[in-house]
């Protein structure tokens, strides 16, 4: 299940950056399709993450922090696309996205269900 979770968030990141490039290119109709697909992948990320958590015997605080950071990443991705589409500033959301992503990635790779590379 860990591989499914990682695959879904990698695809979501790719879709996010495709959406950003379409937004900058002014391609509104394809952007809507990419954005809706990205929203579907948000649900896949949440579903696979919940499935991983349900497989645990106990829920330590580090997993709760990982869940919060992951939801924070999803929220910032959505805010960047929505506010960027309205022509509003997204600088603070980009900063938050980077911080949340680094935190979620660090926690995800260091927790027992992640890959032990750090």
N, C-alpha and C. Protein backbone atom coordinates (compact mmCIF):
# COMPACT_ATOMS: atom_id res chain seq x y z
N UNK A 1 0.82 -1.20 0.00
CA UNK A 1 0.00 0.00 0.00
C UNK A 1 0.86 1.26 0.00
N UNK A 2 2.06 1.17 0.56
CA UNK A 2 2.95 2.33 0.58
C UNK A 2 3.28 2.79 -0.83
N UNK A 3 3.51 1.83 -1.73
CA UNK A 3 3.84 2.19 -3.11
C UNK A 3 2.66 2.87 -3.80
N UNK A 4 1.46 2.44 -3.52
CA UNK A 4 0.27 3.08 -4.10
C UNK A 4 0.15 4.52 -3.61
N UNK A 5 0.43 4.73 -2.33
CA UNK A 5 0.34 6.08 -1.77
C UNK A 5 1.39 6.99 -2.42
N UNK A 6 2.61 6.50 -2.51
CA UNK A 6 3.68 7.29 -3.12
C UNK A 6 3.37 7.57 -4.59
N UNK A 7 2.88 6.58 -5.30
CA UNK A 7 2.53 6.76 -6.71
C UNK A 7 1.46 7.83 -6.89
N UNK A 8 0.45 7.82 -6.02
CA UNK A 8 -0.63 8.80 -6.17
C UNK A 8 -0.14 10.21 -5.91
N UNK A 9 0.73 10.41 -4.90
CA UNK A 9 1.16 11.79 -4.68
C UNK A 9 2.19 12.25 -5.70
N UNK A 10 2.96 11.32 -6.28
CA UNK A 10 3.88 11.71 -7.35
C UNK A 10 3.07 12.14 -8.59
N UNK A 11 2.06 11.38 -8.93
CA UNK A 11 1.20 11.75 -10.07
C UNK A 11 0.50 13.08 -9.79
N UNK A 12 0.05 13.27 -8.54
CA UNK A 12 -0.59 14.54 -8.18
C UNK A 12 0.37 15.71 -8.34
N UNK A 13 1.61 15.54 -7.95
CA UNK A 13 2.60 16.61 -8.13
C UNK A 13 2.82 16.92 -9.61
N UNK A 14 2.89 15.88 -10.42
CA UNK A 14 3.05 16.08 -11.87
C UNK A 14 1.85 16.84 -12.42
N UNK A 15 0.64 16.42 -12.04
CA UNK A 15 -0.57 17.11 -12.50
C UNK A 15 -0.60 18.56 -12.03
N UNK A 16 -0.14 18.80 -10.81
CA UNK A 16 -0.10 20.16 -10.26
C UNK A 16 0.79 21.05 -11.12
N UNK A 17 1.99 20.58 -11.44
CA UNK A 17 2.90 21.40 -12.23
C UNK A 17 2.45 21.53 -13.68
N UNK A 18 1.78 20.52 -14.20
CA UNK A 18 1.17 20.64 -15.54
C UNK A 18 0.09 21.72 -15.49
N UNK A 19 -0.71 21.71 -14.42
CA UNK A 19 -1.75 22.72 -14.26
C UNK A 19 -1.18 24.12 -14.14
N UNK A 20 -0.10 24.26 -13.40
CA UNK A 20 0.57 25.57 -13.27
C UNK A 20 1.05 26.05 -14.63
N UNK A 21 1.65 25.16 -15.40
CA UNK A 21 2.15 25.58 -16.73
C UNK A 21 0.99 25.94 -17.66
N UNK A 22 -0.11 25.21 -17.58
CA UNK A 22 -1.28 25.55 -18.40
C UNK A 22 -1.86 26.89 -17.97
N UNK A 23 -1.85 27.12 -16.67
CA UNK A 23 -2.37 28.39 -16.15
C UNK A 23 -1.55 29.56 -16.68
N UNK A 24 -0.24 29.40 -16.68
CA UNK A 24 0.63 30.46 -17.18
C UNK A 24 0.49 30.63 -18.69
N UNK A 25 0.13 29.55 -19.39
CA UNK A 25 -0.06 29.60 -20.83
C UNK A 25 -1.45 30.06 -21.23
N UNK A 26 -2.33 30.25 -20.27
CA UNK A 26 -3.69 30.73 -20.55
C UNK A 26 -4.61 29.68 -21.13
N UNK A 27 -4.31 28.43 -20.96
CA UNK A 27 -5.14 27.34 -21.49
C UNK A 27 -6.18 26.95 -20.45
N UNK A 28 -7.31 27.63 -20.46
CA UNK A 28 -8.29 27.46 -19.38
C UNK A 28 -9.08 26.15 -19.47
N UNK A 29 -9.49 25.74 -20.66
CA UNK A 29 -10.28 24.52 -20.76
C UNK A 29 -9.48 23.27 -20.40
N UNK A 30 -8.28 23.07 -20.96
CA UNK A 30 -7.49 21.90 -20.53
C UNK A 30 -7.11 21.99 -19.05
N UNK A 31 -6.92 23.21 -18.56
CA UNK A 31 -6.57 23.38 -17.14
C UNK A 31 -7.69 22.87 -16.25
N UNK A 32 -8.94 23.12 -16.63
CA UNK A 32 -10.07 22.64 -15.82
C UNK A 32 -10.07 21.12 -15.74
N UNK A 33 -9.76 20.46 -16.84
CA UNK A 33 -9.71 18.99 -16.83
C UNK A 33 -8.57 18.48 -15.97
N UNK A 34 -7.40 19.11 -16.08
CA UNK A 34 -6.26 18.71 -15.26
C UNK A 34 -6.56 18.96 -13.79
N UNK A 35 -7.17 20.11 -13.50
CA UNK A 35 -7.50 20.45 -12.11
C UNK A 35 -8.50 19.46 -11.51
N UNK A 36 -9.49 19.07 -12.26
CA UNK A 36 -10.46 18.09 -11.76
C UNK A 36 -9.80 16.72 -11.57
N UNK A 37 -8.90 16.34 -12.46
CA UNK A 37 -8.17 15.09 -12.30
C UNK A 37 -7.28 15.15 -11.07
N UNK A 38 -6.66 16.30 -10.85
CA UNK A 38 -5.84 16.50 -9.66
C UNK A 38 -6.68 16.36 -8.39
N UNK A 39 -7.88 16.90 -8.41
CA UNK A 39 -8.77 16.76 -7.25
C UNK A 39 -9.12 15.29 -7.00
N UNK A 40 -9.27 14.53 -8.06
CA UNK A 40 -9.51 13.10 -7.90
C UNK A 40 -8.29 12.43 -7.24
N UNK A 41 -7.11 12.85 -7.65
CA UNK A 41 -5.91 12.29 -7.04
C UNK A 41 -5.75 12.71 -5.59
N UNK A 42 -6.27 13.88 -5.21
CA UNK A 42 -6.29 14.24 -3.79
C UNK A 42 -7.05 13.17 -3.01
N UNK A 43 -8.17 12.74 -3.57
CA UNK A 43 -8.97 11.70 -2.90
C UNK A 43 -8.21 10.37 -2.85
N UNK A 44 -7.50 10.04 -3.92
CA UNK A 44 -6.69 8.83 -3.91
C UNK A 44 -5.59 8.91 -2.85
N UNK A 45 -4.96 10.07 -2.74
CA UNK A 45 -3.92 10.26 -1.73
C UNK A 45 -4.51 10.05 -0.33
N UNK A 46 -5.64 10.68 -0.09
CA UNK A 46 -6.28 10.54 1.22
C UNK A 46 -6.70 9.09 1.48
N UNK A 47 -7.24 8.44 0.47
CA UNK A 47 -7.69 7.06 0.62
C UNK A 47 -6.55 6.10 0.91
N UNK A 48 -5.45 6.23 0.17
CA UNK A 48 -4.32 5.34 0.41
C UNK A 48 -3.65 5.66 1.75
N UNK A 49 -3.64 6.94 2.12
CA UNK A 49 -3.08 7.33 3.41
C UNK A 49 -3.90 6.77 4.56
N UNK A 50 -5.22 6.83 4.44
CA UNK A 50 -6.09 6.28 5.48
C UNK A 50 -5.90 4.76 5.56
N UNK A 51 -5.78 4.11 4.41
CA UNK A 51 -5.56 2.66 4.40
C UNK A 51 -4.25 2.31 5.11
N UNK A 52 -3.22 3.11 4.90
CA UNK A 52 -1.95 2.88 5.59
C UNK A 52 -2.11 3.03 7.10
N UNK A 53 -2.85 4.08 7.51
CA UNK A 53 -3.05 4.32 8.94
C UNK A 53 -3.87 3.21 9.60
N UNK A 54 -4.85 2.69 8.87
CA UNK A 54 -5.68 1.63 9.43
C UNK A 54 -4.91 0.34 9.65
N UNK A 55 -3.79 0.19 8.98
CA UNK A 55 -2.96 -0.99 9.14
C UNK A 55 -2.05 -0.93 10.36
N UNK A 56 -2.05 0.20 11.04
CA UNK A 56 -1.19 0.35 12.22
C UNK A 56 -1.89 -0.17 13.47
N UNK A 57 -1.09 -0.67 14.40
CA UNK A 57 -1.64 -1.10 15.69
C UNK A 57 -1.91 0.10 16.59
N UNK A 58 -1.03 1.09 16.55
CA UNK A 58 -1.17 2.30 17.35
C UNK A 58 -0.89 3.50 16.43
N UNK A 59 -1.33 4.66 16.85
CA UNK A 59 -1.16 5.86 16.04
C UNK A 59 -0.30 6.87 16.80
N UNK A 60 1.04 6.78 16.64
CA UNK A 60 1.93 7.71 17.34
C UNK A 60 1.75 9.14 16.83
N UNK A 61 2.22 10.09 17.60
CA UNK A 61 2.09 11.50 17.26
C UNK A 61 2.77 11.86 15.95
N UNK A 62 3.85 11.18 15.61
CA UNK A 62 4.56 11.48 14.37
C UNK A 62 3.68 11.19 13.15
N UNK A 63 2.84 10.18 13.24
CA UNK A 63 1.92 9.89 12.13
C UNK A 63 0.84 10.96 12.03
N UNK A 64 0.39 11.45 13.16
CA UNK A 64 -0.61 12.51 13.16
C UNK A 64 -0.03 13.77 12.54
N UNK A 65 1.22 14.09 12.89
CA UNK A 65 1.90 15.23 12.29
C UNK A 65 2.07 15.04 10.78
N UNK A 66 2.36 13.82 10.35
CA UNK A 66 2.50 13.52 8.92
C UNK A 66 1.17 13.73 8.20
N UNK A 67 0.08 13.31 8.81
CA UNK A 67 -1.25 13.50 8.21
C UNK A 67 -1.55 14.99 8.06
N UNK A 68 -1.26 15.76 9.11
CA UNK A 68 -1.50 17.20 9.06
C UNK A 68 -0.66 17.85 7.97
N UNK A 69 0.61 17.48 7.88
CA UNK A 69 1.48 18.04 6.85
C UNK A 69 1.00 17.66 5.45
N UNK A 70 0.54 16.42 5.28
CA UNK A 70 0.04 15.98 3.98
C UNK A 70 -1.22 16.74 3.56
N UNK A 71 -2.12 16.94 4.50
CA UNK A 71 -3.34 17.71 4.19
C UNK A 71 -2.98 19.17 3.90
N UNK A 72 -1.99 19.67 4.61
CA UNK A 72 -1.49 21.03 4.37
C UNK A 72 -0.95 21.15 2.94
N UNK A 73 -0.21 20.16 2.47
CA UNK A 73 0.31 20.16 1.10
C UNK A 73 -0.84 20.20 0.10
N UNK A 74 -1.83 19.36 0.29
CA UNK A 74 -2.98 19.33 -0.61
C UNK A 74 -3.69 20.68 -0.62
N UNK A 75 -3.87 21.25 0.56
CA UNK A 75 -4.53 22.55 0.66
C UNK A 75 -3.78 23.64 -0.07
N UNK A 76 -2.47 23.65 0.05
CA UNK A 76 -1.67 24.68 -0.60
C UNK A 76 -1.64 24.49 -2.12
N UNK A 77 -1.62 23.25 -2.57
CA UNK A 77 -1.68 23.01 -4.01
C UNK A 77 -2.99 23.56 -4.58
N UNK A 78 -4.06 23.30 -3.88
CA UNK A 78 -5.37 23.76 -4.33
C UNK A 78 -5.45 25.30 -4.30
N UNK A 79 -4.94 25.91 -3.23
CA UNK A 79 -4.97 27.37 -3.12
C UNK A 79 -4.15 28.03 -4.22
N UNK A 80 -3.01 27.45 -4.54
CA UNK A 80 -2.16 28.03 -5.60
C UNK A 80 -2.89 27.99 -6.93
N UNK A 81 -3.51 26.87 -7.26
CA UNK A 81 -4.22 26.78 -8.54
C UNK A 81 -5.44 27.69 -8.59
N UNK A 82 -6.20 27.73 -7.52
CA UNK A 82 -7.43 28.53 -7.51
C UNK A 82 -7.09 30.02 -7.52
N UNK A 83 -6.23 30.45 -6.61
CA UNK A 83 -5.88 31.88 -6.56
C UNK A 83 -5.11 32.32 -7.79
N UNK A 84 -4.25 31.44 -8.31
CA UNK A 84 -3.52 31.78 -9.53
C UNK A 84 -4.46 31.95 -10.71
N UNK A 85 -5.51 31.15 -10.74
CA UNK A 85 -6.50 31.27 -11.81
C UNK A 85 -7.28 32.57 -11.75
N UNK A 86 -7.38 33.13 -10.55
CA UNK A 86 -8.07 34.42 -10.38
C UNK A 86 -7.12 35.60 -10.51
N UNK A 87 -5.84 35.31 -10.76
CA UNK A 87 -4.87 36.38 -10.94
C UNK A 87 -4.38 36.99 -9.63
N UNK A 88 -4.62 36.31 -8.52
CA UNK A 88 -4.19 36.82 -7.21
C UNK A 88 -2.80 36.28 -6.87
N UNK A 89 -2.16 36.94 -5.93
CA UNK A 89 -0.82 36.54 -5.50
C UNK A 89 -0.85 35.18 -4.81
N UNK A 90 0.15 34.37 -5.12
CA UNK A 90 0.25 33.03 -4.52
C UNK A 90 1.57 32.81 -3.80
N UNK A 91 2.35 33.87 -3.61
CA UNK A 91 3.70 33.73 -3.04
C UNK A 91 3.68 33.04 -1.67
N UNK A 92 2.81 33.47 -0.77
CA UNK A 92 2.77 32.90 0.58
C UNK A 92 2.37 31.43 0.53
N UNK A 93 1.53 31.07 -0.42
CA UNK A 93 1.10 29.68 -0.56
C UNK A 93 2.22 28.80 -1.10
N UNK A 94 3.05 29.35 -1.99
CA UNK A 94 4.21 28.60 -2.48
C UNK A 94 5.19 28.31 -1.34
N UNK A 95 5.41 29.32 -0.49
CA UNK A 95 6.31 29.13 0.65
C UNK A 95 5.76 28.04 1.57
N UNK A 96 4.46 28.12 1.86
CA UNK A 96 3.83 27.11 2.71
C UNK A 96 3.88 25.73 2.07
N UNK A 97 3.67 25.66 0.76
CA UNK A 97 3.72 24.38 0.05
C UNK A 97 5.10 23.74 0.19
N UNK A 98 6.13 24.53 0.01
CA UNK A 98 7.49 24.00 0.10
C UNK A 98 7.78 23.49 1.52
N UNK A 99 7.40 24.28 2.51
CA UNK A 99 7.62 23.87 3.91
C UNK A 99 6.85 22.60 4.23
N UNK A 100 5.57 22.58 3.88
CA UNK A 100 4.72 21.43 4.18
C UNK A 100 5.19 20.19 3.44
N UNK A 101 5.60 20.35 2.19
CA UNK A 101 6.06 19.20 1.41
C UNK A 101 7.33 18.61 2.00
N UNK A 102 8.28 19.47 2.37
CA UNK A 102 9.53 18.98 2.97
C UNK A 102 9.23 18.25 4.27
N UNK A 103 8.35 18.82 5.09
CA UNK A 103 7.98 18.19 6.35
C UNK A 103 7.30 16.84 6.12
N UNK A 104 6.33 16.81 5.22
CA UNK A 104 5.61 15.57 4.93
C UNK A 104 6.54 14.51 4.34
N UNK A 105 7.40 14.92 3.44
CA UNK A 105 8.35 13.98 2.83
C UNK A 105 9.33 13.44 3.87
N UNK A 106 9.87 14.32 4.69
CA UNK A 106 10.81 13.89 5.73
C UNK A 106 10.15 12.90 6.69
N UNK A 107 8.96 13.26 7.18
CA UNK A 107 8.25 12.37 8.10
C UNK A 107 7.87 11.06 7.42
N UNK A 108 7.36 11.15 6.21
CA UNK A 108 6.93 9.96 5.49
C UNK A 108 8.06 8.98 5.23
N UNK A 109 9.24 9.50 4.95
CA UNK A 109 10.38 8.62 4.67
C UNK A 109 11.03 8.09 5.93
N UNK A 110 10.86 8.78 7.05
CA UNK A 110 11.48 8.34 8.30
C UNK A 110 10.59 7.47 9.16
N UNK A 111 9.29 7.51 8.96
CA UNK A 111 8.40 6.68 9.75
C UNK A 111 8.54 5.23 9.31
N UNK A 112 8.20 4.29 10.19
CA UNK A 112 8.39 2.86 9.86
C UNK A 112 7.70 2.39 8.59
N UNK A 113 6.60 3.01 8.19
CA UNK A 113 5.95 2.59 6.94
C UNK A 113 6.62 3.14 5.70
N UNK A 114 7.48 4.16 5.86
CA UNK A 114 8.16 4.76 4.72
C UNK A 114 9.44 4.04 4.40
N UNK A 115 10.17 4.58 3.43
CA UNK A 115 11.47 4.04 3.08
C UNK A 115 12.49 4.62 4.03
N UNK A 116 13.36 3.80 4.56
CA UNK A 116 14.33 4.23 5.55
C UNK A 116 15.61 4.67 4.84
N UNK A 117 15.60 5.90 4.28
CA UNK A 117 16.77 6.37 3.54
C UNK A 117 17.50 7.49 4.26
N UNK A 118 16.90 8.09 5.26
CA UNK A 118 17.58 9.18 5.98
C UNK A 118 18.23 8.66 7.24
